[in-house]
C-alpha atoms as a PDB file:
ATOM      1  CA  MET A   1     180.891  62.267  82.337  1.00  0.00           C
ATOM      2  CA  ASN A   2     182.997  60.068  84.392  1.00  0.00           C
ATOM      3  CA  LYS A   3     182.106  59.126  87.614  1.00  0.00           C
ATOM      4  CA  ALA A   4     184.550  61.141  89.448  1.00  0.00           C
ATOM      5  CA  LYS A   5     183.219  64.455  87.532  1.00  0.00           C
ATOM      6  CA  LEU A   6     179.762  63.486  88.475  1.00  0.00           C
ATOM      7  CA  ILE A   7     180.607  63.484  92.220  1.00  0.00           C
ATOM      8  CA  VAL A   8     182.504  66.628  92.015  1.00  0.00           C
ATOM      9  CA  LEU A   9     179.424  68.218  90.226  1.00  0.00           C
ATOM     10  CA  ILE A  10     177.030  66.756  92.814  1.00  0.00           C
ATOM     11  CA  VAL A  11     179.288  67.993  95.687  1.00  0.00           C
ATOM     12  CA  ALA A  12     179.335  71.600  94.187  1.00  0.00           C
ATOM     13  CA  VAL A  13     175.659  71.994  93.357  1.00  0.00           C
ATOM     14  CA  ALA A  14     175.064  70.572  96.989  1.00  0.00           C
ATOM     15  CA  VAL A  15     177.387  73.178  98.787  1.00  0.00           C
ATOM     16  CA  LEU A  16     175.892  76.129  96.111  1.00  0.00           C
ATOM     17  CA  ALA A  17     172.191  74.914  97.466  1.00  0.00           C
ATOM     18  CA  SER A  18     173.465  75.194 101.151  1.00  0.00           C
ATOM     19  CA  CYS A  19     175.061  78.586 101.070  1.00  0.00           C
ATOM     20  CA  GLY A  20     173.242  81.876 101.264  1.00  0.00           C
ATOM     21  CA  THR A  21     170.598  82.361 103.557  1.00  0.00           C
ATOM     22  CA  THR A  22     166.530  82.008 103.655  1.00  0.00           C
ATOM     23  CA  THR A  23     164.593  85.312 104.275  1.00  0.00           C
ATOM     24  CA  THR A  24     160.925  85.999 104.448  1.00  0.00           C
ATOM     25  CA  VAL A  25     159.250  88.968 102.722  1.00  0.00           C
ATOM     26  CA  PRO A  26     157.336  91.037 105.448  1.00  0.00           C
ATOM     27  CA  ILE A  27     153.628  90.862 105.096  1.00  0.00           C
ATOM     28  CA  THR A  28     153.446  88.222 102.263  1.00  0.00           C
ATOM     29  CA  GLY A  29     155.375  85.707 104.301  1.00  0.00           C
ATOM     30  CA  ARG A  30     156.998  84.610 101.032  1.00  0.00           C
ATOM     31  CA  LYS A  31     160.330  82.542 101.201  1.00  0.00           C
ATOM     32  CA  GLN A  32     163.366  83.725  99.526  1.00  0.00           C
ATOM     33  CA  HIS A  33     167.006  82.312  99.102  1.00  0.00           C
ATOM     34  CA  MET A  34     169.470  84.655  98.914  1.00  0.00           C
ATOM     35  CA  MET A  35     173.099  84.170  97.575  1.00  0.00           C
ATOM     36  CA  VAL A  36     174.273  87.549  98.393  1.00  0.00           C
ATOM     37  CA  SER A  37     174.588  89.432 101.771  1.00  0.00           C
ATOM     38  CA  ASP A  38     172.771  92.655 102.599  1.00  0.00           C
ATOM     39  CA  GLU A  39     176.451  94.208 102.946  1.00  0.00           C
ATOM     40  CA  LYS A  40     177.053  93.280  99.158  1.00  0.00           C
ATOM     41  CA  VAL A  41     174.071  94.152  97.834  1.00  0.00           C
ATOM     42  CA  LEU A  42     173.994  97.562  99.748  1.00  0.00           C
ATOM     43  CA  SER A  43     177.444  98.226  98.712  1.00  0.00           C
ATOM     44  CA  LEU A  44     176.962  97.692  95.035  1.00  0.00           C
ATOM     45  CA  SER A  45     173.698  99.436  94.988  1.00  0.00           C
ATOM     46  CA  ASN A  46     175.307 102.645  96.737  1.00  0.00           C
ATOM     47  CA  GLN A  47     177.919 102.686  94.118  1.00  0.00           C
ATOM     48  CA  GLN A  48     175.578 102.679  91.287  1.00  0.00           C
ATOM     49  CA  TYR A  49     173.214 105.260  92.791  1.00  0.00           C
ATOM     50  CA  ALA A  50     176.477 107.633  93.438  1.00  0.00           C
ATOM     51  CA  GLU A  51     177.459 107.122  89.854  1.00  0.00           C
ATOM     52  CA  TYR A  52     174.011 107.862  89.014  1.00  0.00           C
ATOM     53  CA  MET A  53     173.573 111.032  90.894  1.00  0.00           C
ATOM     54  CA  LYS A  54     176.650 112.736  89.626  1.00  0.00           C
ATOM     55  CA  THR A  55     175.127 113.328  86.295  1.00  0.00           C
ATOM     56  CA  ALA A  56     171.432 113.485  87.315  1.00  0.00           C
ATOM     57  CA  LYS A  57     170.057 117.159  87.344  1.00  0.00           C
ATOM     58  CA  PRO A  58     168.117 117.983  90.464  1.00  0.00           C
ATOM     59  CA  SER A  59     164.700 119.371  89.732  1.00  0.00           C
ATOM     60  CA  THR A  60     164.224 123.483  89.962  1.00  0.00           C
ATOM     61  CA  ASN A  61     160.600 123.343  91.242  1.00  0.00           C
ATOM     62  CA  VAL A  62     160.990 123.765  94.778  1.00  0.00           C
ATOM     63  CA  ALA A  63     157.241 122.681  95.483  1.00  0.00           C
ATOM     64  CA  ASN A  64     157.529 119.594  93.565  1.00  0.00           C
ATOM     65  CA  THR A  65     160.666 118.721  95.229  1.00  0.00           C
ATOM     66  CA  ASN A  66     159.160 119.516  98.755  1.00  0.00           C
ATOM     67  CA  MET A  67     156.284 117.212  97.936  1.00  0.00           C
ATOM     68  CA  VAL A  68     158.466 114.331  97.106  1.00  0.00           C
ATOM     69  CA  LYS A  69     160.582 114.888  99.990  1.00  0.00           C
ATOM     70  CA  ARG A  70     157.358 114.852 102.296  1.00  0.00           C
ATOM     71  CA  VAL A  71     155.469 111.795 100.814  1.00  0.00           C
ATOM     72  CA  GLY A  72     158.817 109.887 100.829  1.00  0.00           C
ATOM     73  CA  GLN A  73     159.261 110.469 104.145  1.00  0.00           C
ATOM     74  CA  ASN A  74     155.822 109.721 105.391  1.00  0.00           C
ATOM     75  CA  LEU A  75     156.115 106.630 103.779  1.00  0.00           C
ATOM     76  CA  ALA A  76     159.586 105.979 105.198  1.00  0.00           C
ATOM     77  CA  ASN A  77     158.232 106.656 108.616  1.00  0.00           C
ATOM     78  CA  ALA A  78     155.479 104.175 108.073  1.00  0.00           C
ATOM     79  CA  VAL A  79     157.617 101.302 106.880  1.00  0.00           C
ATOM     80  CA  VAL A  80     160.354 101.936 109.764  1.00  0.00           C
ATOM     81  CA  ALA A  81     157.315 102.044 112.350  1.00  0.00           C
ATOM     82  CA  TYR A  82     156.160  98.500 110.944  1.00  0.00           C
ATOM     83  CA  LEU A  83     159.602  96.857 110.969  1.00  0.00           C
ATOM     84  CA  ASN A  84     160.051  98.197 114.455  1.00  0.00           C
ATOM     85  CA  ALA A  85     156.923  96.837 115.643  1.00  0.00           C
ATOM     86  CA  ASN A  86     157.071  93.372 113.946  1.00  0.00           C
ATOM     87  CA  GLY A  87     160.658  92.290 115.291  1.00  0.00           C
ATOM     88  CA  LEU A  88     162.269  93.592 112.037  1.00  0.00           C
ATOM     89  CA  SER A  89     164.410  96.424 113.812  1.00  0.00           C
ATOM     90  CA  SER A  90     167.766  94.804 112.466  1.00  0.00           C
ATOM     91  CA  GLU A  91     166.414  95.922 108.981  1.00  0.00           C
ATOM     92  CA  VAL A  92     165.914  99.450 109.645  1.00  0.00           C
ATOM     93  CA  ALA A  93     169.723 100.005 109.938  1.00  0.00           C
ATOM     94  CA  ASN A  94     169.836  99.203 106.005  1.00  0.00           C
ATOM     95  CA  TYR A  95     168.057 102.439 105.153  1.00  0.00           C
ATOM     96  CA  LYS A  96     169.628 105.617 104.795  1.00  0.00           C
ATOM     97  CA  TRP A  97     166.668 107.554 103.189  1.00  0.00           C
ATOM     98  CA  GLU A  98     167.270 110.005 100.563  1.00  0.00           C
ATOM     99  CA  PHE A  99     164.572 111.767  98.276  1.00  0.00           C
ATOM    100  CA  ASN A 100     165.336 113.264  95.005  1.00  0.00           C
ATOM    101  CA  LEU A 101     163.241 114.943  92.289  1.00  0.00           C
ATOM    102  CA  VAL A 102     165.322 114.928  89.042  1.00  0.00           C
ATOM    103  CA  GLN A 103     165.081 116.798  85.640  1.00  0.00           C
ATOM    104  CA  ASP A 104     164.001 113.944  83.386  1.00  0.00           C
ATOM    105  CA  LYS A 105     160.704 113.503  81.162  1.00  0.00           C
ATOM    106  CA  GLN A 106     160.620 109.743  81.643  1.00  0.00           C
ATOM    107  CA  VAL A 107     157.507 108.579  83.304  1.00  0.00           C
ATOM    108  CA  ASN A 108     159.565 106.859  86.230  1.00  0.00           C
ATOM    109  CA  ALA A 109     160.740 106.343  89.827  1.00  0.00           C
ATOM    110  CA  PHE A 110     162.861 104.007  91.678  1.00  0.00           C
ATOM    111  CA  CYS A 111     164.024 103.205  95.350  1.00  0.00           C
ATOM    112  CA  MET A 112     167.516 101.664  95.729  1.00  0.00           C
ATOM    113  CA  PRO A 113     167.982  98.723  98.344  1.00  0.00           C
ATOM    114  CA  GLY A 114     169.168 101.334 101.015  1.00  0.00           C
ATOM    115  CA  GLY A 115     166.294 103.612 100.590  1.00  0.00           C
ATOM    116  CA  LYS A 116     167.670 106.172  98.058  1.00  0.00           C
ATOM    117  CA  ILE A 117     164.460 107.174  96.214  1.00  0.00           C
ATOM    118  CA  VAL A 118     164.580 109.144  92.874  1.00  0.00           C
ATOM    119  CA  VAL A 119     161.456 110.607  91.144  1.00  0.00           C
ATOM    120  CA  TYR A 120     161.572 111.761  87.468  1.00  0.00           C
ATOM    121  CA  GLU A 121     159.650 115.027  86.874  1.00  0.00           C
ATOM    122  CA  GLY A 122     157.843 113.115  83.945  1.00  0.00           C
ATOM    123  CA  LEU A 123     155.937 110.812  86.487  1.00  0.00           C
ATOM    124  CA  LEU A 124     154.394 113.789  88.329  1.00  0.00           C
ATOM    125  CA  PRO A 125     151.664 114.646  85.629  1.00  0.00           C
ATOM    126  CA  VAL A 126     150.593 110.976  85.884  1.00  0.00           C
ATOM    127  CA  THR A 127     150.425 111.069  89.591  1.00  0.00           C
ATOM    128  CA  GLN A 128     148.423 114.136  89.493  1.00  0.00           C
ATOM    129  CA  ASP A 129     148.483 114.318  93.461  1.00  0.00           C
ATOM    130  CA  GLU A 130     150.249 113.137  96.693  1.00  0.00           C
ATOM    131  CA  THR A 131     147.917 110.112  97.139  1.00  0.00           C
ATOM    132  CA  SER A 132     148.926 108.795  93.663  1.00  0.00           C
ATOM    133  CA  LEU A 133     152.551 109.795  94.335  1.00  0.00           C
ATOM    134  CA  ALA A 134     152.594 107.631  97.533  1.00  0.00           C
ATOM    135  CA  ILE A 135     151.051 104.729  95.696  1.00  0.00           C
ATOM    136  CA  VAL A 136     153.997 104.752  93.140  1.00  0.00           C
ATOM    137  CA  LEU A 137     156.381 105.387  96.006  1.00  0.00           C
ATOM    138  CA  GLY A 138     154.932 102.753  98.196  1.00  0.00           C
ATOM    139  CA  HIS A 139     155.534 100.263  95.023  1.00  0.00           C
ATOM    140  CA  GLU A 140     159.271 101.207  94.495  1.00  0.00           C
ATOM    141  CA  ILE A 141     159.848 101.033  98.543  1.00  0.00           C
ATOM    142  CA  ALA A 142     158.127  97.688  98.588  1.00  0.00           C
ATOM    143  CA  HIS A 143     160.988  96.416  96.111  1.00  0.00           C
ATOM    144  CA  ALA A 144     163.592  97.663  98.378  1.00  0.00           C
ATOM    145  CA  VAL A 145     161.953  96.090 101.582  1.00  0.00           C
ATOM    146  CA  ALA A 146     161.203  92.692  99.850  1.00  0.00           C
ATOM    147  CA  LYS A 147     164.658  92.809  98.634  1.00  0.00           C
ATOM    148  CA  HIS A 148     163.700  91.978  95.189  1.00  0.00           C
ATOM    149  CA  SER A 149     167.161  93.344  93.890  1.00  0.00           C
ATOM    150  CA  ALA A 150     169.047  90.783  96.047  1.00  0.00           C
ATOM    151  CA  GLU A 151     166.553  88.079  94.839  1.00  0.00           C
ATOM    152  CA  GLN A 152     167.399  88.806  91.254  1.00  0.00           C
ATOM    153  CA  MET A 153     170.905  88.971  91.809  1.00  0.00           C
ATOM    154  CA  SER A 154     170.798  85.357  93.497  1.00  0.00           C
ATOM    155  CA  THR A 155     168.888  84.212  90.378  1.00  0.00           C
ATOM    156  CA  LEU A 156     171.741  85.795  88.046  1.00  0.00           C
ATOM    157  CA  ILE A 157     174.221  84.063  90.045  1.00  0.00           C
ATOM    158  CA  ARG A 158     172.838  80.803  89.853  1.00  0.00           C
ATOM    159  CA  GLN A 159     172.069  80.955  86.359  1.00  0.00           C
ATOM    160  CA  GLN A 160     175.371  82.434  84.914  1.00  0.00           C
ATOM    161  CA  TYR A 161     177.712  80.568  87.393  1.00  0.00           C
ATOM    162  CA  GLY A 162     176.060  77.638  88.264  1.00  0.00           C
ATOM    163  CA  ALA A 163     178.630  75.339  90.386  1.00  0.00           C
ATOM    164  CA  GLN A 164     181.020  78.349  90.182  1.00  0.00           C
ATOM    165  CA  ALA A 165     178.890  80.603  92.207  1.00  0.00           C
ATOM    166  CA  LEU A 166     180.277  79.722  95.515  1.00  0.00           C
ATOM    167  CA  SER A 167     183.649  81.261  94.264  1.00  0.00           C
ATOM    168  CA  VAL A 168     181.958  84.305  93.164  1.00  0.00           C
ATOM    169  CA  LEU A 169     180.282  84.668  96.452  1.00  0.00           C
ATOM    170  CA  MET A 170     183.621  84.423  98.352  1.00  0.00           C
ATOM    171  CA  GLN A 171     184.975  87.508  96.612  1.00  0.00           C
ATOM    172  CA  GLY A 172     184.624  90.801  98.164  1.00  0.00           C
ATOM    173  CA  ALA A 173     181.837  93.088  96.783  1.00  0.00           C
ATOM    174  CA  GLY A 174     184.704  95.238  95.010  1.00  0.00           C
ATOM    175  CA  ALA A 175     186.835  92.572  93.926  1.00  0.00           C
ATOM    176  CA  SER A 176     184.039  90.686  91.950  1.00  0.00           C
ATOM    177  CA  SER A 177     183.719  92.050  88.275  1.00  0.00           C
ATOM    178  CA  GLY A 178     181.113  89.262  87.870  1.00  0.00           C
ATOM    179  CA  LEU A 179     179.146  90.612  90.938  1.00  0.00           C
ATOM    180  CA  GLN A 180     179.577  94.250  89.628  1.00  0.00           C
ATOM    181  CA  ASN A 181     178.017  93.271  86.081  1.00  0.00           C
ATOM    182  CA  ILE A 182     175.255  91.529  87.559  1.00  0.00           C
ATOM    183  CA  ALA A 183     174.401  94.435  90.026  1.00  0.00           C
ATOM    184  CA  GLY A 184     174.540  96.595  86.707  1.00  0.00           C
ATOM    185  CA  THR A 185     172.108  94.360  85.289  1.00  0.00           C
ATOM    186  CA  VAL A 186     169.788  94.277  88.312  1.00  0.00           C
ATOM    187  CA  PHE A 187     169.764  98.035  89.140  1.00  0.00           C
ATOM    188  CA  GLY A 188     169.647  99.293  85.645  1.00  0.00           C
ATOM    189  CA  LEU A 189     171.085 102.703  86.240  1.00  0.00           C
ATOM    190  CA  GLY A 190     172.779 103.604  83.292  1.00  0.00           C
ATOM    191  CA  ALA A 191     173.169 106.807  81.030  1.00  0.00           C
ATOM    192  CA  LYS A 192     169.431 106.568  80.007  1.00  0.00           C
ATOM    193  CA  GLY A 193     168.023 106.387  83.458  1.00  0.00           C
ATOM    194  CA  ALA A 194     166.693 103.194  85.550  1.00  0.00           C
ATOM    195  CA  SER A 195     165.873 100.166  83.703  1.00  0.00           C
ATOM    196  CA  ALA A 196     165.687  97.725  86.158  1.00  0.00           C
ATOM    197  CA  LYS A 197     163.961  94.549  85.202  1.00  0.00           C
ATOM    198  CA  TYR A 198     162.018  92.547  88.041  1.00  0.00           C
ATOM    199  CA  SER A 199     159.784  89.402  87.471  1.00  0.00           C
ATOM    200  CA  ARG A 200     155.954  89.705  87.237  1.00  0.00           C
ATOM    201  CA  ASN A 201     155.716  88.046  90.754  1.00  0.00           C
ATOM    202  CA  HIS A 202     157.954  90.736  92.068  1.00  0.00           C
ATOM    203  CA  GLU A 203     155.918  93.472  90.458  1.00  0.00           C
ATOM    204  CA  SER A 204     152.843  92.014  91.812  1.00  0.00           C
ATOM    205  CA  GLU A 205     154.247  91.648  95.316  1.00  0.00           C
ATOM    206  CA  ALA A 206     155.352  95.102  95.145  1.00  0.00           C
ATOM    207  CA  ASP A 207     151.986  96.275  93.920  1.00  0.00           C
ATOM    208  CA  HIS A 208     150.496  94.232  97.245  1.00  0.00           C
ATOM    209  CA  LEU A 209     152.949  95.739  99.754  1.00  0.00           C
ATOM    210  CA  GLY A 210     152.937  99.213  97.845  1.00  0.00           C
ATOM    211  CA  ILE A 211     149.328  99.797  98.747  1.00  0.00           C
ATOM    212  CA  ILE A 212     149.793  98.636 102.232  1.00  0.00           C
ATOM    213  CA  PHE A 213     152.695 100.828 102.830  1.00  0.00           C
ATOM    214  CA  ALA A 214     150.838 103.913 101.405  1.00  0.00           C
ATOM    215  CA  ALA A 215     147.650 103.168 103.734  1.00  0.00           C
ATOM    216  CA  MET A 216     149.902 102.711 106.793  1.00  0.00           C
ATOM    217  CA  ALA A 217     151.269 106.330 106.013  1.00  0.00           C
ATOM    218  CA  GLY A 218     147.689 107.553 105.839  1.00  0.00           C
ATOM    219  CA  TYR A 219     147.125 107.644 101.941  1.00  0.00           C
ATOM    220  CA  ASP A 220     144.236 106.336 100.437  1.00  0.00           C
ATOM    221  CA  PRO A 221     144.966 102.717  98.790  1.00  0.00           C
ATOM    222  CA  GLN A 222     141.652 102.636  96.931  1.00  0.00           C
ATOM    223  CA  LYS A 223     143.346 105.610  94.452  1.00  0.00           C
ATOM    224  CA  ALA A 224     145.762 102.890  93.310  1.00  0.00           C
ATOM    225  CA  VAL A 225     143.650 101.492  90.437  1.00  0.00           C
ATOM    226  CA  ASP A 226     143.036 104.710  88.853  1.00  0.00           C
ATOM    227  CA  PHE A 227     146.794 105.633  89.216  1.00  0.00           C
ATOM    228  CA  TRP A 228     147.740 102.372  87.681  1.00  0.00           C
ATOM    229  CA  LYS A 229     145.524 102.556  84.933  1.00  0.00           C
ATOM    230  CA  ARG A 230     147.031 106.069  83.933  1.00  0.00           C
ATOM    231  CA  MET A 231     150.715 104.802  84.535  1.00  0.00           C
ATOM    232  CA  SER A 232     149.966 101.832  81.974  1.00  0.00           C
ATOM    233  CA  GLN A 233     148.877 104.228  79.253  1.00  0.00           C
ATOM    234  CA  ALA A 234     151.660 106.778  79.761  1.00  0.00           C
ATOM    235  CA  THR A 235     154.344 103.821  79.596  1.00  0.00           C
ATOM    236  CA  GLY A 236     152.943 101.460  76.944  1.00  0.00           C
ATOM    237  CA  GLY A 237     151.482  99.025  79.346  1.00  0.00           C
ATOM    238  CA  GLY A 238     150.441  97.009  76.142  1.00  0.00           C
ATOM    239  CA  SER A 239     153.542  96.513  74.673  1.00  0.00           C
ATOM    240  CA  LYS A 240     155.608  93.287  74.611  1.00  0.00           C
ATOM    241  CA  SER A 241     158.425  94.581  76.673  1.00  0.00           C
ATOM    242  CA  TRP A 242     156.152  95.884  79.555  1.00  0.00           C
ATOM    243  CA  LEU A 243     154.085  92.595  79.433  1.00  0.00           C
ATOM    244  CA  SER A 244     157.404  90.642  79.839  1.00  0.00           C
ATOM    245  CA  THR A 245     157.893  91.779  83.014  1.00  0.00           C
ATOM    246  CA  HIS A 246     154.667  93.049  84.357  1.00  0.00           C
ATOM    247  CA  PRO A 247     151.255  91.568  84.948  1.00  0.00           C
ATOM    248  CA  THR A 248     148.585  92.613  82.526  1.00  0.00           C
ATOM    249  CA  ASP A 249     146.334  95.449  83.302  1.00  0.00           C
ATOM    250  CA  ALA A 250     143.308  93.107  84.107  1.00  0.00           C
ATOM    251  CA  THR A 251     145.332  91.013  86.111  1.00  0.00           C
ATOM    252  CA  ARG A 252     147.095  94.095  88.153  1.00  0.00           C
ATOM    253  CA  ILE A 253     143.755  95.636  88.777  1.00  0.00           C
ATOM    254  CA  ALA A 254     141.967  92.602  89.786  1.00  0.00           C
ATOM    255  CA  GLN A 255     144.810  91.698  92.115  1.00  0.00           C
ATOM    256  CA  ILE A 256     144.799  95.124  93.709  1.00  0.00           C
ATOM    257  CA  GLN A 257     141.155  95.009  94.141  1.00  0.00           C
ATOM    258  CA  ALA A 258     141.585  91.501  95.724  1.00  0.00           C
ATOM    259  CA  TRP A 259     144.138  93.164  98.253  1.00  0.00           C
ATOM    260  CA  MET A 260     142.203  96.263  99.136  1.00  0.00           C
ATOM    261  CA  PRO A 261     140.048  94.956 102.043  1.00  0.00           C
ATOM    262  CA  GLU A 262     143.481  93.968 103.823  1.00  0.00           C
ATOM    263  CA  ALA A 263     145.121  97.531 102.548  1.00  0.00           C
ATOM    264  CA  MET A 264     142.094  99.334 104.112  1.00  0.00           C
ATOM    265  CA  LYS A 265     142.826  97.614 107.670  1.00  0.00           C
ATOM    266  CA  TYR A 266     146.057  99.840 107.672  1.00  0.00           C
ATOM    267  CA  TYR A 267     144.378 103.061 106.455  1.00  0.00           C
ATOM    268  CA  LYS A 268     144.053 105.722 108.925  1.00  0.00           C
ATOM    269  CA  PRO A 269     143.806 109.222 107.060  1.00  0.00           C
ATOM    270  CA  GLN A 270     145.129 111.066 110.458  1.00  0.00           C
ATOM    271  CA  ALA A 271     148.460 109.300 110.038  1.00  0.00           C
ATOM    272  CA  VAL A 272     149.848 111.708 107.437  1.00  0.00           C
ATOM    273  CA  VAL A 273     151.919 113.927 109.656  1.00  0.00           C
ATOM    274  CA  SER A 274     154.204 116.383 107.954  1.00  0.00           C
ATOM    275  CA  THR A 275     158.058 115.963 109.240  1.00  0.00           C
ATOM    276  CA  ASN A 276     157.885 119.678 109.546  1.00  0.00           C
ATOM    277  CA  LYS A 277     156.761 120.288 113.250  1.00  0.00           C
ATOM    278  CA  LYS A 278     155.624 123.983 112.400  1.00  0.00           C
ATOM    279  CA  ASN A 279     153.249 122.675 109.904  1.00  0.00           C
ATOM    280  CA  THR A 280     151.911 120.100 112.164  1.00  0.00           C
ATOM    281  CA  VAL A 281     151.343 122.885 114.833  1.00  0.00           C
ATOM    282  CA  GLN A 282     149.545 125.092 112.107  1.00  0.00           C
ATOM    283  CA  THR A 283     147.394 122.105 110.864  1.00  0.00           C
ATOM    284  CA  LYS A 284     146.145 121.480 114.515  1.00  0.00           C
ATOM    285  CA  LYS A 285     145.509 125.154 115.086  1.00  0.00           C
ATOM    286  CA  LYS A 286     143.428 125.393 111.849  1.00  0.00           C
ATOM    287  CA  ASN A 287     141.336 122.321 112.798  1.00  0.00           C
ATOM    288  CA  THR A 288     140.696 123.963 116.260  1.00  0.00           C
ATOM    289  CA  THR A 289     139.812 127.289 114.683  1.00  0.00           C
ATOM    290  CA  THR A 290     137.250 125.575 112.314  1.00  0.00           C
ATOM    291  CA  GLN A 291     135.655 123.631 115.273  1.00  0.00           C
ATOM    292  CA  LYS A 292     135.507 126.984 117.235  1.00  0.00           C
ATOM    293  CA  LYS A 293     133.479 128.643 114.437  1.00  0.00           C
ATOM    294  CA  LYS A 294     131.042 125.590 113.986  1.00  0.00           C
ATOM    295  CA  SER A 295     130.330 125.841 117.673  1.00  0.00           C
ATOM    296  CA  ILE A 296     129.811 129.591 117.696  1.00  0.00           C
ATOM    297  CA  THR A 297     127.361 129.149 114.673  1.00  0.00           C
ATOM    298  CA  LYS A 298     125.345 126.297 116.530  1.00  0.00           C
ATOM    299  CA  LYS A 299     125.103 128.484 119.118  1.00  0.00           C
ATOM    300  CA  ALA A 300     123.892 131.278 117.235  1.00  0.00           C
ATOM    301  CA  ARG A 301     121.160 129.095 115.621  1.00  0.00           C
ATOM    302  CA  HIS A 302     119.903 127.975 119.184  1.00  0.00           C
ATOM    303  CA  LYS A 303     119.247 131.675 120.231  1.00  0.00           C
END
């Protein structure tokens, strides 16, 4: 390589390193260097989501659909409250929450960067209850809050384009076929469903944030260990493909147990509030009635 080409390469690499932005993951405080803007990520993810939902079949089970919407909304409310309380109100505008239960036997769920959540019916026999559903949805929402998709896209841009990445970034989201291809790889929404691949570090960080988000929403984070054991068994946790992007079962459980004291600080069971005001009132009335019955019983004993 002659001197002129070497200088050009050095300048290109320097420009590439300086472009983009540095962000911080909430709670964990990890720094990230992003090569794509929130606007581009949201535009591309919304396109992928819209295409997927064109062929997805909504569940016909009303009770389960309402459960997914209820648990999802409780988590969304907790996340938004945390962001607003911690100087991250600007992030809230990125989320346009939607909660879907679809007819698919796969044991899976996903949350797009803009808060579009899809749960597959095949997941519910593994979650078994609302708390475990909150654990897995907390994990998926954590991927969105921590901007793991944008981080993966940034990594792929650097790997695939190198010094040409700057010209890729200068193009609009719709004009860049390169970004479209990268988005397809990262979001993984194809005919066979979601197959997004995050790194082991991303999966661990999502576990960490996920149990905290569940705790913030009033769900017991201590249920996470049993749930992830069931999830591992249901999805072939010991397979090479799983282990290539996920921590081992032993590592995951050890990490979750290490994070549990932190998660429990956020845990307030009474924080779970239905988005249906009528249901909330009914719950309060039932509690009041129960208290009255106990009071009457105590008085009768003293007579």
